[in-house]
Amino acid sequence: MAGAGLYAGLPDTAGRPAQGGGGAEAAGAGGGAEAAAHGGGGPPGAASPPPGGRGGGEEPRGRKRPRERGAGGGARAVGPGEALERLAGVITSRKKFPGASRLVLGLLAQEGPAGLRKKEHGELLFRVLAASMDDPTAPATPELRRWYRQLFLGALGRSEVLPLRRHEAVHHMALRAVALPELLGDDSFAFNAAVAKVEKAMDALPGGEGRKSGGGEGADGDAGVTPGDEAGPGSPPWLRAAVVDCLEACRGRYKLSAWTRSGTERLARRAFERRARFDPGGQQAQLKDIWRFVQDQRARQGGGGGGGGGGGGGRGTFEESERRWKSSDVSTRGEGGRAGGTG
């Protein structure tokens, strides 16, 4: 079977490496964990006794198990379906996530008979992606940000493998896996692109007062959530929490990087105006607190000579820029009014 070597060495759901090469990569960084998963082995780092050091035919502790053999005597190949089932049980471990995500990307890259097919593997792939979100805080961890981003961009690049009803949930999960790390990064372009993704996600939320402003594009917000998935990764409750976490990430960057301020202000204002879409109590209180924080910071930074009011200060904030743009006469050809006279 073409590409069978790619699937050898995948850890099973109990954390036991499958047989064949590459098991160390699938287990992430865990050498000692491998021995523990076998149920034997001394303390981490202990040397294995030399062959024949134990009597009675007892297998030395810490020694790797022999490979499973197929019918022809060779190492048993693991197919893509079984590989995904094993990865779903391993990818929840932060320690093993880098190796497991590399293997998922390898499966996604395969084409032809050895590759993933929607009918047989689509739901299994979704299960792996959902399992990777078992700990919602993991994608923000500095050492895992790159791996989460690559995994979900790779999955979205092969979205034809996923069942249609799962597409929206995977896009919602990508808010944590892709957008959140970019909000925490140092690239201003990526930051503003991530802000736009959070805005879109906010518009996709079912509203407590109906979808007032999401209108056309965002109107498919709760499609794809099936019974049993209402609280799982990608569901509306999960997405609400992800949006709030993104806003908290923006708040944390506000004082540190001036180029994050206009995007953070826009996002905080939008969330405050749509707070009815979030859970009453905790989440709505958080959104109010973030909006107050932004207003307080703007009052301290802006204003220059005369305080408060509506006047001039707000150094390049979104609202001030928007006010100036709306008050200028812009022709349909894009030529600015007022500055160049009328006509």
C-alpha atoms as a PDB file:
ATOM      1  CA  MET A   1       0.000   0.000   0.000  1.00  0.00           C
ATOM      2  CA  ALA A   2       1.489   3.307  -1.106  1.00  0.00           C
ATOM      3  CA  GLY A   3       2.542   5.552   1.713  1.00  0.00           C
ATOM      4  CA  ALA A   4       2.107   2.833   4.314  1.00  0.00           C
ATOM      5  CA  GLY A   5       5.342   3.868   5.980  1.00  0.00           C
ATOM      6  CA  LEU A   6       3.757   7.183   6.894  1.00  0.00           C
ATOM      7  CA  TYR A   7       1.222   5.476   9.123  1.00  0.00           C
ATOM      8  CA  ALA A   8       3.641   3.143  10.906  1.00  0.00           C
ATOM      9  CA  GLY A   9       4.609   4.099  14.425  1.00  0.00           C
ATOM     10  CA  LEU A  10       1.405   5.896  15.405  1.00  0.00           C
ATOM     11  CA  PRO A  11       0.591   5.732  19.132  1.00  0.00           C
ATOM     12  CA  ASP A  12      -2.693   4.117  20.024  1.00  0.00           C
ATOM     13  CA  THR A  13      -5.382   5.724  22.146  1.00  0.00           C
ATOM     14  CA  ALA A  14      -3.900   4.317  25.334  1.00  0.00           C
ATOM     15  CA  GLY A  15      -0.598   6.037  24.571  1.00  0.00           C
ATOM     16  CA  ARG A  16       1.157   2.779  23.482  1.00  0.00           C
ATOM     17  CA  PRO A  17       3.295   3.374  20.392  1.00  0.00           C
ATOM     18  CA  ALA A  18       2.213   1.379  17.415  1.00  0.00           C
ATOM     19  CA  GLN A  19       4.743  -0.883  15.917  1.00  0.00           C
ATOM     20  CA  GLY A  20       7.149   0.307  13.313  1.00  0.00           C
ATOM     21  CA  GLY A  21       9.484   3.237  12.957  1.00  0.00           C
ATOM     22  CA  GLY A  22       8.753   6.839  13.861  1.00  0.00           C
ATOM     23  CA  GLY A  23       7.013   6.165  17.166  1.00  0.00           C
ATOM     24  CA  ALA A  24       9.151   8.730  18.969  1.00  0.00           C
ATOM     25  CA  GLU A  25       7.881  11.496  16.710  1.00  0.00           C
ATOM     26  CA  ALA A  26       4.249  10.544  17.248  1.00  0.00           C
ATOM     27  CA  ALA A  27       4.746  10.595  20.975  1.00  0.00           C
ATOM     28  CA  GLY A  28       6.102  14.137  20.857  1.00  0.00           C
ATOM     29  CA  ALA A  29       8.907  14.532  23.311  1.00  0.00           C
ATOM     30  CA  GLY A  30       8.070  11.576  25.519  1.00  0.00           C
ATOM     31  CA  GLY A  31      10.819   8.957  25.798  1.00  0.00           C
ATOM     32  CA  GLY A  32      10.047   8.083  29.413  1.00  0.00           C
ATOM     33  CA  ALA A  33       6.301   8.218  28.764  1.00  0.00           C
ATOM     34  CA  GLU A  34       6.685   5.422  26.239  1.00  0.00           C
ATOM     35  CA  ALA A  35       8.034   3.020  28.834  1.00  0.00           C
ATOM     36  CA  ALA A  36       5.315   4.034  31.274  1.00  0.00           C
ATOM     37  CA  ALA A  37       2.658   3.436  28.626  1.00  0.00           C
ATOM     38  CA  HIS A  38       3.890  -0.141  28.271  1.00  0.00           C
ATOM     39  CA  GLY A  39       3.169  -0.699  31.944  1.00  0.00           C
ATOM     40  CA  GLY A  40       6.800  -1.535  32.733  1.00  0.00           C
ATOM     41  CA  GLY A  41      10.046   0.338  33.098  1.00  0.00           C
ATOM     42  CA  GLY A  42      11.946   1.811  35.961  1.00  0.00           C
ATOM     43  CA  PRO A  43      12.328   5.465  36.738  1.00  0.00           C
ATOM     44  CA  PRO A  44      12.901   7.789  33.761  1.00  0.00           C
ATOM     45  CA  GLY A  45      16.459   7.665  32.554  1.00  0.00           C
ATOM     46  CA  ALA A  46      17.224   4.265  34.093  1.00  0.00           C
ATOM     47  CA  ALA A  47      19.379   2.092  31.833  1.00  0.00           C
ATOM     48  CA  SER A  48      17.926  -1.140  30.525  1.00  0.00           C
ATOM     49  CA  PRO A  49      19.666  -4.283  31.786  1.00  0.00           C
ATOM     50  CA  PRO A  50      21.795  -6.092  29.229  1.00  0.00           C
ATOM     51  CA  PRO A  51      20.262  -9.012  27.336  1.00  0.00           C
ATOM     52  CA  GLY A  52      20.207 -12.181  29.382  1.00  0.00           C
ATOM     53  CA  GLY A  53      20.521 -10.245  32.629  1.00  0.00           C
ATOM     54  CA  ARG A  54      17.264 -11.690  33.880  1.00  0.00           C
ATOM     55  CA  GLY A  55      16.434 -15.338  34.195  1.00  0.00           C
ATOM     56  CA  GLY A  56      13.248 -17.209  33.481  1.00  0.00           C
ATOM     57  CA  GLY A  57      12.668 -15.623  30.069  1.00  0.00           C
ATOM     58  CA  GLU A  58      11.284 -12.408  31.590  1.00  0.00           C
ATOM     59  CA  GLU A  59      11.501  -9.511  29.170  1.00  0.00           C
ATOM     60  CA  PRO A  60      13.874  -6.793  30.433  1.00  0.00           C
ATOM     61  CA  ARG A  61      12.022  -3.761  31.728  1.00  0.00           C
ATOM     62  CA  GLY A  62      12.221  -0.632  29.609  1.00  0.00           C
ATOM     63  CA  ARG A  63      12.869  -2.679  26.453  1.00  0.00           C
ATOM     64  CA  LYS A  64      10.685  -1.813  23.450  1.00  0.00           C
ATOM     65  CA  ARG A  65       8.108  -4.358  22.456  1.00  0.00           C
ATOM     66  CA  PRO A  66       8.740  -6.288  19.272  1.00  0.00           C
ATOM     67  CA  ARG A  67       6.902  -5.094  16.213  1.00  0.00           C
ATOM     68  CA  GLU A  68       3.556  -6.541  15.364  1.00  0.00           C
ATOM     69  CA  ARG A  69       3.911  -8.748  12.360  1.00  0.00           C
ATOM     70  CA  GLY A  70       1.574  -8.911   9.427  1.00  0.00           C
ATOM     71  CA  ALA A  71       0.606 -12.059   7.600  1.00  0.00           C
ATOM     72  CA  GLY A  72       3.799 -11.960   5.536  1.00  0.00           C
ATOM     73  CA  GLY A  73       6.055 -11.525   8.530  1.00  0.00           C
ATOM     74  CA  GLY A  74       6.718  -7.814   7.932  1.00  0.00           C
ATOM     75  CA  ALA A  75       5.733  -4.861  10.106  1.00  0.00           C
ATOM     76  CA  ARG A  76       1.979  -4.333  10.059  1.00  0.00           C
ATOM     77  CA  ALA A  77       0.958  -1.218   8.144  1.00  0.00           C
ATOM     78  CA  VAL A  78      -1.524   1.098   9.831  1.00  0.00           C
ATOM     79  CA  GLY A  79      -4.182   2.519   7.532  1.00  0.00           C
ATOM     80  CA  PRO A  80      -5.357   6.137   7.598  1.00  0.00           C
ATOM     81  CA  GLY A  81      -8.570   5.349   9.503  1.00  0.00           C
ATOM     82  CA  GLU A  82      -6.798   3.502  12.299  1.00  0.00           C
ATOM     83  CA  ALA A  83      -4.112   6.191  12.341  1.00  0.00           C
ATOM     84  CA  LEU A  84      -6.705   8.920  12.916  1.00  0.00           C
ATOM     85  CA  GLU A  85      -8.383   6.892  15.668  1.00  0.00           C
ATOM     86  CA  ARG A  86      -5.069   6.567  17.492  1.00  0.00           C
ATOM     87  CA  LEU A  87      -4.163  10.209  16.980  1.00  0.00           C
ATOM     88  CA  ALA A  88      -7.473  11.340  18.479  1.00  0.00           C
ATOM     89  CA  GLY A  89      -6.375   9.749  21.739  1.00  0.00           C
ATOM     90  CA  VAL A  90      -2.854  11.167  21.685  1.00  0.00           C
ATOM     91  CA  ILE A  91      -3.248  14.702  20.356  1.00  0.00           C
ATOM     92  CA  THR A  92      -4.826  15.850  23.636  1.00  0.00           C
ATOM     93  CA  SER A  93      -1.380  15.655  25.271  1.00  0.00           C
ATOM     94  CA  ARG A  94       0.612  18.885  25.074  1.00  0.00           C
ATOM     95  CA  LYS A  95       3.797  16.869  25.191  1.00  0.00           C
ATOM     96  CA  LYS A  96       2.821  14.734  22.225  1.00  0.00           C
ATOM     97  CA  PHE A  97       0.967  17.390  20.253  1.00  0.00           C
ATOM     98  CA  PRO A  98       3.835  18.483  17.940  1.00  0.00           C
ATOM     99  CA  GLY A  99       4.539  14.934  16.764  1.00  0.00           C
ATOM    100  CA  ALA A 100       0.849  14.048  16.484  1.00  0.00           C
ATOM    101  CA  SER A 101       0.046  17.189  14.495  1.00  0.00           C
ATOM    102  CA  ARG A 102       2.915  16.436  12.098  1.00  0.00           C
ATOM    103  CA  LEU A 103       1.435  13.010  11.470  1.00  0.00           C
ATOM    104  CA  VAL A 104      -2.030  14.468  10.819  1.00  0.00           C
ATOM    105  CA  LEU A 105      -0.493  16.894   8.321  1.00  0.00           C
ATOM    106  CA  GLY A 106       1.269  13.957   6.695  1.00  0.00           C
ATOM    107  CA  LEU A 107      -2.064  12.170   6.314  1.00  0.00           C
ATOM    108  CA  LEU A 108      -3.632  15.298   4.834  1.00  0.00           C
ATOM    109  CA  ALA A 109      -0.807  15.569   2.309  1.00  0.00           C
ATOM    110  CA  GLN A 110      -1.334  12.043   0.980  1.00  0.00           C
ATOM    111  CA  GLU A 111      -3.294  11.623  -2.236  1.00  0.00           C
ATOM    112  CA  GLY A 112      -4.688   8.637  -4.047  1.00  0.00           C
ATOM    113  CA  PRO A 113      -5.560   5.335  -2.347  1.00  0.00           C
ATOM    114  CA  ALA A 114      -3.288   6.099   0.622  1.00  0.00           C
ATOM    115  CA  GLY A 115      -4.932   9.477   1.274  1.00  0.00           C
ATOM    116  CA  LEU A 116      -7.954  10.570   3.279  1.00  0.00           C
ATOM    117  CA  ARG A 117     -11.422  10.233   1.812  1.00  0.00           C
ATOM    118  CA  LYS A 118     -14.485  12.091   2.989  1.00  0.00           C
ATOM    119  CA  LYS A 119     -16.789   9.113   3.380  1.00  0.00           C
ATOM    120  CA  GLU A 120     -14.394   6.967   5.406  1.00  0.00           C
ATOM    121  CA  HIS A 121     -12.202   9.520   7.149  1.00  0.00           C
ATOM    122  CA  GLY A 122     -14.030  12.867   7.316  1.00  0.00           C
ATOM    123  CA  GLU A 123     -15.673  12.301  10.675  1.00  0.00           C
ATOM    124  CA  LEU A 124     -12.480  10.786  12.098  1.00  0.00           C
ATOM    125  CA  LEU A 125     -10.493  13.853  11.005  1.00  0.00           C
ATOM    126  CA  PHE A 126     -13.038  16.096  12.698  1.00  0.00           C
ATOM    127  CA  ARG A 127     -12.727  14.016  15.853  1.00  0.00           C
ATOM    128  CA  VAL A 128      -8.947  14.550  15.849  1.00  0.00           C
ATOM    129  CA  LEU A 129      -9.335  18.324  15.403  1.00  0.00           C
ATOM    130  CA  ALA A 130     -11.951  18.489  18.173  1.00  0.00           C
ATOM    131  CA  ALA A 131      -9.709  16.411  20.473  1.00  0.00           C
ATOM    132  CA  SER A 132      -6.870  18.877  19.901  1.00  0.00           C
ATOM    133  CA  MET A 133      -9.113  21.501  21.536  1.00  0.00           C
ATOM    134  CA  ASP A 134      -9.646  19.389  24.656  1.00  0.00           C
ATOM    135  CA  ASP A 135      -7.621  22.019  26.528  1.00  0.00           C
ATOM    136  CA  PRO A 136      -8.822  25.388  25.141  1.00  0.00           C
ATOM    137  CA  THR A 137      -5.794  27.199  26.582  1.00  0.00           C
ATOM    138  CA  ALA A 138      -3.245  25.051  24.717  1.00  0.00           C
ATOM    139  CA  PRO A 139      -3.243  27.018  21.399  1.00  0.00           C
ATOM    140  CA  ALA A 140      -2.103  30.160  23.249  1.00  0.00           C
ATOM    141  CA  THR A 141       0.925  28.374  24.727  1.00  0.00           C
ATOM    142  CA  PRO A 142       4.041  29.875  23.097  1.00  0.00           C
ATOM    143  CA  GLU A 143       5.643  26.511  22.306  1.00  0.00           C
ATOM    144  CA  LEU A 144       2.450  25.164  20.663  1.00  0.00           C
ATOM    145  CA  ARG A 145       1.156  28.185  18.732  1.00  0.00           C
ATOM    146  CA  ARG A 146       2.995  27.322  15.541  1.00  0.00           C
ATOM    147  CA  TRP A 147       1.835  23.692  15.612  1.00  0.00           C
ATOM    148  CA  TYR A 148      -1.827  24.580  16.133  1.00  0.00           C
ATOM    149  CA  ARG A 149      -1.700  27.131  13.355  1.00  0.00           C
ATOM    150  CA  GLN A 150      -0.156  24.652  10.905  1.00  0.00           C
ATOM    151  CA  LEU A 151      -2.583  21.881  11.848  1.00  0.00           C
ATOM    152  CA  PHE A 152      -5.738  23.921  11.314  1.00  0.00           C
ATOM    153  CA  LEU A 153      -4.532  25.717   8.200  1.00  0.00           C
ATOM    154  CA  GLY A 154      -3.669  22.292   6.791  1.00  0.00           C
ATOM    155  CA  ALA A 155      -7.117  20.937   7.683  1.00  0.00           C
ATOM    156  CA  LEU A 156      -8.887  23.965   6.215  1.00  0.00           C
ATOM    157  CA  GLY A 157      -6.790  23.552   3.077  1.00  0.00           C
ATOM    158  CA  ARG A 158      -8.279  20.040   2.710  1.00  0.00           C
ATOM    159  CA  SER A 159     -11.793  20.978   3.797  1.00  0.00           C
ATOM    160  CA  GLU A 160     -13.252  18.784   1.066  1.00  0.00           C
ATOM    161  CA  VAL A 161     -12.359  15.779   3.258  1.00  0.00           C
ATOM    162  CA  LEU A 162     -14.534  17.042   6.130  1.00  0.00           C
ATOM    163  CA  PRO A 163     -18.315  16.513   6.204  1.00  0.00           C
ATOM    164  CA  LEU A 164     -20.143  19.678   5.184  1.00  0.00           C
ATOM    165  CA  ARG A 165     -21.945  19.864   8.504  1.00  0.00           C
ATOM    166  CA  ARG A 166     -18.549  20.098  10.255  1.00  0.00           C
ATOM    167  CA  HIS A 167     -17.077  22.941   8.200  1.00  0.00           C
ATOM    168  CA  GLU A 168     -18.416  25.743  10.349  1.00  0.00           C
ATOM    169  CA  ALA A 169     -17.291  24.103  13.590  1.00  0.00           C
ATOM    170  CA  VAL A 170     -13.744  23.704  12.222  1.00  0.00           C
ATOM    171  CA  HIS A 171     -13.684  27.377  11.193  1.00  0.00           C
ATOM    172  CA  HIS A 172     -14.793  28.282  14.708  1.00  0.00           C
ATOM    173  CA  MET A 173     -12.059  26.108  16.229  1.00  0.00           C
ATOM    174  CA  ALA A 174      -9.580  27.896  13.977  1.00  0.00           C
ATOM    175  CA  LEU A 175     -10.399  31.072  15.896  1.00  0.00           C
ATOM    176  CA  ARG A 176      -8.384  29.671  18.807  1.00  0.00           C
ATOM    177  CA  ALA A 177      -5.893  27.740  16.699  1.00  0.00           C
ATOM    178  CA  VAL A 178      -5.032  30.457  14.146  1.00  0.00           C
ATOM    179  CA  ALA A 179      -6.497  33.857  15.087  1.00  0.00           C
ATOM    180  CA  LEU A 180      -5.633  33.813  18.805  1.00  0.00           C
ATOM    181  CA  PRO A 181      -1.912  33.076  18.260  1.00  0.00           C
ATOM    182  CA  GLU A 182      -1.808  35.904  15.702  1.00  0.00           C
ATOM    183  CA  LEU A 183      -3.371  38.298  18.218  1.00  0.00           C
ATOM    184  CA  LEU A 184      -0.504  37.389  20.557  1.00  0.00           C
ATOM    185  CA  GLY A 185       2.190  37.743  17.879  1.00  0.00           C
ATOM    186  CA  ASP A 186       4.303  40.641  16.646  1.00  0.00           C
ATOM    187  CA  ASP A 187       2.986  40.983  13.092  1.00  0.00           C
ATOM    188  CA  SER A 188       0.681  43.994  12.742  1.00  0.00           C
ATOM    189  CA  PHE A 189      -0.815  42.755   9.462  1.00  0.00           C
ATOM    190  CA  ALA A 190      -1.591  39.328  10.949  1.00  0.00           C
ATOM    191  CA  PHE A 191      -3.011  41.007  14.075  1.00  0.00           C
ATOM    192  CA  ASN A 192      -5.503  43.077  12.084  1.00  0.00           C
ATOM    193  CA  ALA A 193      -6.446  40.089   9.928  1.00  0.00           C
ATOM    194  CA  ALA A 194      -7.136  38.143  13.129  1.00  0.00           C
ATOM    195  CA  VAL A 195      -9.276  41.007  14.473  1.00  0.00           C
ATOM    196  CA  ALA A 196     -11.386  40.754  11.312  1.00  0.00           C
ATOM    197  CA  LYS A 197     -11.807  37.000  11.915  1.00  0.00           C
ATOM    198  CA  VAL A 198     -12.998  37.639  15.474  1.00  0.00           C
ATOM    199  CA  GLU A 199     -15.499  40.200  14.198  1.00  0.00           C
ATOM    200  CA  LYS A 200     -16.839  37.686  11.716  1.00  0.00           C
ATOM    201  CA  ALA A 201     -17.130  35.049  14.428  1.00  0.00           C
ATOM    202  CA  MET A 202     -19.024  37.513  16.610  1.00  0.00           C
ATOM    203  CA  ASP A 203     -21.492  38.147  13.810  1.00  0.00           C
ATOM    204  CA  ALA A 204     -21.985  34.384  13.446  1.00  0.00           C
ATOM    205  CA  LEU A 205     -23.135  34.003  17.055  1.00  0.00           C
ATOM    206  CA  PRO A 206     -26.842  33.455  17.618  1.00  0.00           C
ATOM    207  CA  GLY A 207     -28.081  36.656  19.208  1.00  0.00           C
ATOM    208  CA  GLY A 208     -30.053  36.974  22.391  1.00  0.00           C
ATOM    209  CA  GLU A 209     -32.093  39.653  20.631  1.00  0.00           C
ATOM    210  CA  GLY A 210     -31.895  38.115  17.191  1.00  0.00           C
ATOM    211  CA  ARG A 211     -29.293  38.840  14.541  1.00  0.00           C
ATOM    212  CA  LYS A 212     -29.569  42.580  14.434  1.00  0.00           C
ATOM    213  CA  SER A 213     -26.572  43.454  12.331  1.00  0.00           C
ATOM    214  CA  GLY A 214     -25.061  40.188  11.161  1.00  0.00           C
ATOM    215  CA  GLY A 215     -27.420  40.107   8.232  1.00  0.00           C
ATOM    216  CA  GLY A 216     -26.571  38.317   5.039  1.00  0.00           C
ATOM    217  CA  GLU A 217     -23.058  36.949   5.366  1.00  0.00           C
ATOM    218  CA  GLY A 218     -23.185  35.975   9.020  1.00  0.00           C
ATOM    219  CA  ALA A 219     -26.651  34.482   8.854  1.00  0.00           C
ATOM    220  CA  ASP A 220     -25.434  30.889   8.835  1.00  0.00           C
ATOM    221  CA  GLY A 221     -24.082  31.105  12.372  1.00  0.00           C
ATOM    222  CA  ASP A 222     -25.588  28.104  14.084  1.00  0.00           C
ATOM    223  CA  ALA A 223     -25.786  25.817  11.069  1.00  0.00           C
ATOM    224  CA  GLY A 224     -23.857  22.600  11.431  1.00  0.00           C
ATOM    225  CA  VAL A 225     -24.365  22.081  15.161  1.00  0.00           C
ATOM    226  CA  THR A 226     -25.880  18.641  15.560  1.00  0.00           C
ATOM    227  CA  PRO A 227     -27.501  17.078  18.641  1.00  0.00           C
ATOM    228  CA  GLY A 228     -24.813  16.159  21.125  1.00  0.00           C
ATOM    229  CA  ASP A 229     -22.441  18.866  19.825  1.00  0.00           C
ATOM    230  CA  GLU A 230     -24.141  21.850  21.462  1.00  0.00           C
ATOM    231  CA  ALA A 231     -21.323  22.369  23.959  1.00  0.00           C
ATOM    232  CA  GLY A 232     -18.425  20.775  22.086  1.00  0.00           C
ATOM    233  CA  PRO A 233     -15.543  22.442  20.216  1.00  0.00           C
ATOM    234  CA  GLY A 234     -16.864  24.779  17.524  1.00  0.00           C
ATOM    235  CA  SER A 235     -20.370  25.013  19.007  1.00  0.00           C
ATOM    236  CA  PRO A 236     -21.940  28.412  19.809  1.00  0.00           C
ATOM    237  CA  PRO A 237     -21.154  28.231  23.572  1.00  0.00           C
ATOM    238  CA  TRP A 238     -17.581  27.232  22.782  1.00  0.00           C
ATOM    239  CA  LEU A 239     -17.298  30.035  20.203  1.00  0.00           C
ATOM    240  CA  ARG A 240     -18.557  32.639  22.679  1.00  0.00           C
ATOM    241  CA  ALA A 241     -15.793  31.680  25.098  1.00  0.00           C
ATOM    242  CA  ALA A 242     -13.226  31.780  22.276  1.00  0.00           C
ATOM    243  CA  VAL A 243     -14.297  35.294  21.258  1.00  0.00           C
ATOM    244  CA  VAL A 244     -14.006  36.510  24.862  1.00  0.00           C
ATOM    245  CA  ASP A 245     -10.522  34.979  25.125  1.00  0.00           C
ATOM    246  CA  CYS A 246      -9.509  36.776  21.920  1.00  0.00           C
ATOM    247  CA  LEU A 247     -10.723  40.064  23.377  1.00  0.00           C
ATOM    248  CA  GLU A 248      -8.741  39.431  26.553  1.00  0.00           C
ATOM    249  CA  ALA A 249      -5.650  38.781  24.429  1.00  0.00           C
ATOM    250  CA  CYS A 250      -6.185  42.143  22.710  1.00  0.00           C
ATOM    251  CA  ARG A 251      -6.588  43.889  26.053  1.00  0.00           C
ATOM    252  CA  GLY A 252      -3.296  42.388  27.189  1.00  0.00           C
ATOM    253  CA  ARG A 253      -1.524  43.823  24.134  1.00  0.00           C
ATOM    254  CA  TYR A 254      -3.146  47.268  24.241  1.00  0.00           C
ATOM    255  CA  LYS A 255      -0.570  49.024  26.420  1.00  0.00           C
ATOM    256  CA  LEU A 256       2.398  47.145  25.004  1.00  0.00           C
ATOM    257  CA  SER A 257       1.969  47.770  21.272  1.00  0.00           C
ATOM    258  CA  ALA A 258       0.496  50.989  19.916  1.00  0.00           C
ATOM    259  CA  TRP A 259      -0.367  49.364  16.581  1.00  0.00           C
ATOM    260  CA  THR A 260      -2.848  47.042  18.314  1.00  0.00           C
ATOM    261  CA  ARG A 261      -4.978  49.856  19.701  1.00  0.00           C
ATOM    262  CA  SER A 262      -7.303  50.753  16.841  1.00  0.00           C
ATOM    263  CA  GLY A 263      -8.134  47.093  16.193  1.00  0.00           C
ATOM    264  CA  THR A 264      -8.680  46.428  19.897  1.00  0.00           C
ATOM    265  CA  GLU A 265     -10.932  49.483  20.233  1.00  0.00           C
ATOM    266  CA  ARG A 266     -12.995  48.430  17.238  1.00  0.00           C
ATOM    267  CA  LEU A 267     -13.343  44.888  18.554  1.00  0.00           C
ATOM    268  CA  ALA A 268     -14.176  45.967  22.115  1.00  0.00           C
ATOM    269  CA  ARG A 269     -16.836  48.352  20.899  1.00  0.00           C
ATOM    270  CA  ARG A 270     -18.395  45.760  18.616  1.00  0.00           C
ATOM    271  CA  ALA A 271     -18.458  43.166  21.403  1.00  0.00           C
ATOM    272  CA  PHE A 272     -20.014  45.652  23.814  1.00  0.00           C
ATOM    273  CA  GLU A 273     -22.756  46.491  21.308  1.00  0.00           C
ATOM    274  CA  ARG A 274     -23.436  42.789  20.757  1.00  0.00           C
ATOM    275  CA  ARG A 275     -23.117  41.709  24.363  1.00  0.00           C
ATOM    276  CA  ALA A 276     -26.651  40.258  24.312  1.00  0.00           C
ATOM    277  CA  ARG A 277     -25.219  37.436  22.185  1.00  0.00           C
ATOM    278  CA  PHE A 278     -23.037  36.338  25.095  1.00  0.00           C
ATOM    279  CA  ASP A 279     -23.899  34.569  28.305  1.00  0.00           C
ATOM    280  CA  PRO A 280     -25.437  36.914  30.878  1.00  0.00           C
ATOM    281  CA  GLY A 281     -23.383  37.400  33.973  1.00  0.00           C
ATOM    282  CA  GLY A 282     -19.767  36.373  33.512  1.00  0.00           C
ATOM    283  CA  GLN A 283     -19.193  36.952  29.798  1.00  0.00           C
ATOM    284  CA  GLN A 284     -21.290  40.101  29.507  1.00  0.00           C
ATOM    285  CA  ALA A 285     -19.575  41.556  32.578  1.00  0.00           C
ATOM    286  CA  GLN A 286     -16.191  40.749  31.014  1.00  0.00           C
ATOM    287  CA  LEU A 287     -17.117  42.539  27.800  1.00  0.00           C
ATOM    288  CA  LYS A 288     -18.273  45.613  29.726  1.00  0.00           C
ATOM    289  CA  ASP A 289     -15.019  45.593  31.671  1.00  0.00           C
ATOM    290  CA  ILE A 290     -12.937  45.395  28.467  1.00  0.00           C
ATOM    291  CA  TRP A 291     -14.907  48.274  26.937  1.00  0.00           C
ATOM    292  CA  ARG A 292     -14.406  50.386  30.080  1.00  0.00           C
ATOM    293  CA  PHE A 293     -10.696  49.588  29.991  1.00  0.00           C
ATOM    294  CA  VAL A 294     -10.438  50.786  26.379  1.00  0.00           C
ATOM    295  CA  GLN A 295     -12.366  53.989  27.118  1.00  0.00           C
ATOM    296  CA  ASP A 296     -10.170  54.677  30.151  1.00  0.00           C
ATOM    297  CA  GLN A 297      -6.968  54.152  28.157  1.00  0.00           C
ATOM    298  CA  ARG A 298      -8.181  56.430  25.376  1.00  0.00           C
ATOM    299  CA  ALA A 299      -9.057  59.149  27.874  1.00  0.00           C
ATOM    300  CA  ARG A 300      -5.539  58.951  29.338  1.00  0.00           C
ATOM    301  CA  GLN A 301      -3.766  58.968  25.982  1.00  0.00           C
ATOM    302  CA  GLY A 302      -5.870  61.378  23.989  1.00  0.00           C
ATOM    303  CA  GLY A 303      -7.347  64.753  24.504  1.00  0.00           C
ATOM    304  CA  GLY A 304      -4.216  66.788  24.826  1.00  0.00           C
ATOM    305  CA  GLY A 305      -5.236  70.292  25.904  1.00  0.00           C
ATOM    306  CA  GLY A 306      -8.690  70.083  26.919  1.00  0.00           C
ATOM    307  CA  GLY A 307      -9.846  66.933  28.219  1.00  0.00           C
ATOM    308  CA  GLY A 308     -12.916  64.988  27.756  1.00  0.00           C
ATOM    309  CA  GLY A 309     -15.582  65.773  25.361  1.00  0.00           C
ATOM    310  CA  GLY A 310     -15.701  65.041  21.776  1.00  0.00           C
ATOM    311  CA  GLY A 311     -12.868  67.076  20.533  1.00  0.00           C
ATOM    312  CA  GLY A 312      -9.733  66.257  18.963  1.00  0.00           C
ATOM    313  CA  GLY A 313      -7.364  64.107  20.748  1.00  0.00           C
ATOM    314  CA  GLY A 314      -7.701  60.374  20.385  1.00  0.00           C
ATOM    315  CA  ARG A 315      -4.429  59.765  18.526  1.00  0.00           C
ATOM    316  CA  GLY A 316      -5.514  57.767  15.526  1.00  0.00           C
ATOM    317  CA  THR A 317      -8.223  55.755  17.205  1.00  0.00           C
ATOM    318  CA  PHE A 318     -10.705  53.939  15.017  1.00  0.00           C
ATOM    319  CA  GLU A 319     -13.650  56.145  15.960  1.00  0.00           C
ATOM    320  CA  GLU A 320     -11.775  59.366  15.196  1.00  0.00           C
ATOM    321  CA  SER A 321     -10.581  58.070  11.836  1.00  0.00           C
ATOM    322  CA  GLU A 322     -14.073  56.898  11.003  1.00  0.00           C
ATOM    323  CA  ARG A 323     -15.535  60.284  11.985  1.00  0.00           C
ATOM    324  CA  ARG A 324     -13.077  62.133   9.742  1.00  0.00           C
ATOM    325  CA  TRP A 325     -13.749  59.796   6.851  1.00  0.00           C
ATOM    326  CA  LYS A 326     -17.524  60.125   7.148  1.00  0.00           C
ATOM    327  CA  SER A 327     -17.347  63.920   7.343  1.00  0.00           C
ATOM    328  CA  SER A 328     -15.264  64.235   4.180  1.00  0.00           C
ATOM    329  CA  ASP A 329     -16.867  64.330   0.753  1.00  0.00           C
ATOM    330  CA  VAL A 330     -15.609  61.249  -1.031  1.00  0.00           C
ATOM    331  CA  SER A 331     -16.599  60.875  -4.660  1.00  0.00           C
ATOM    332  CA  THR A 332     -17.452  57.549  -6.214  1.00  0.00           C
ATOM    333  CA  ARG A 333     -14.093  57.689  -7.997  1.00  0.00           C
ATOM    334  CA  GLY A 334     -12.310  57.819  -4.664  1.00  0.00           C
ATOM    335  CA  GLU A 335     -11.170  61.447  -4.978  1.00  0.00           C
ATOM    336  CA  GLY A 336     -11.276  63.191  -1.618  1.00  0.00           C
ATOM    337  CA  GLY A 337     -13.683  66.066  -1.275  1.00  0.00           C
ATOM    338  CA  ARG A 338     -13.038  69.057   0.926  1.00  0.00           C
ATOM    339  CA  ALA A 339      -9.299  68.993   0.524  1.00  0.00           C
ATOM    340  CA  GLY A 340      -9.547  69.517  -3.185  1.00  0.00           C
ATOM    341  CA  GLY A 341     -12.592  71.713  -3.385  1.00  0.00           C
ATOM    342  CA  THR A 342     -16.048  70.759  -4.552  1.00  0.00           C
ATOM    343  CA  GLY A 343     -16.785  69.539  -7.940  1.00  0.00           C
END
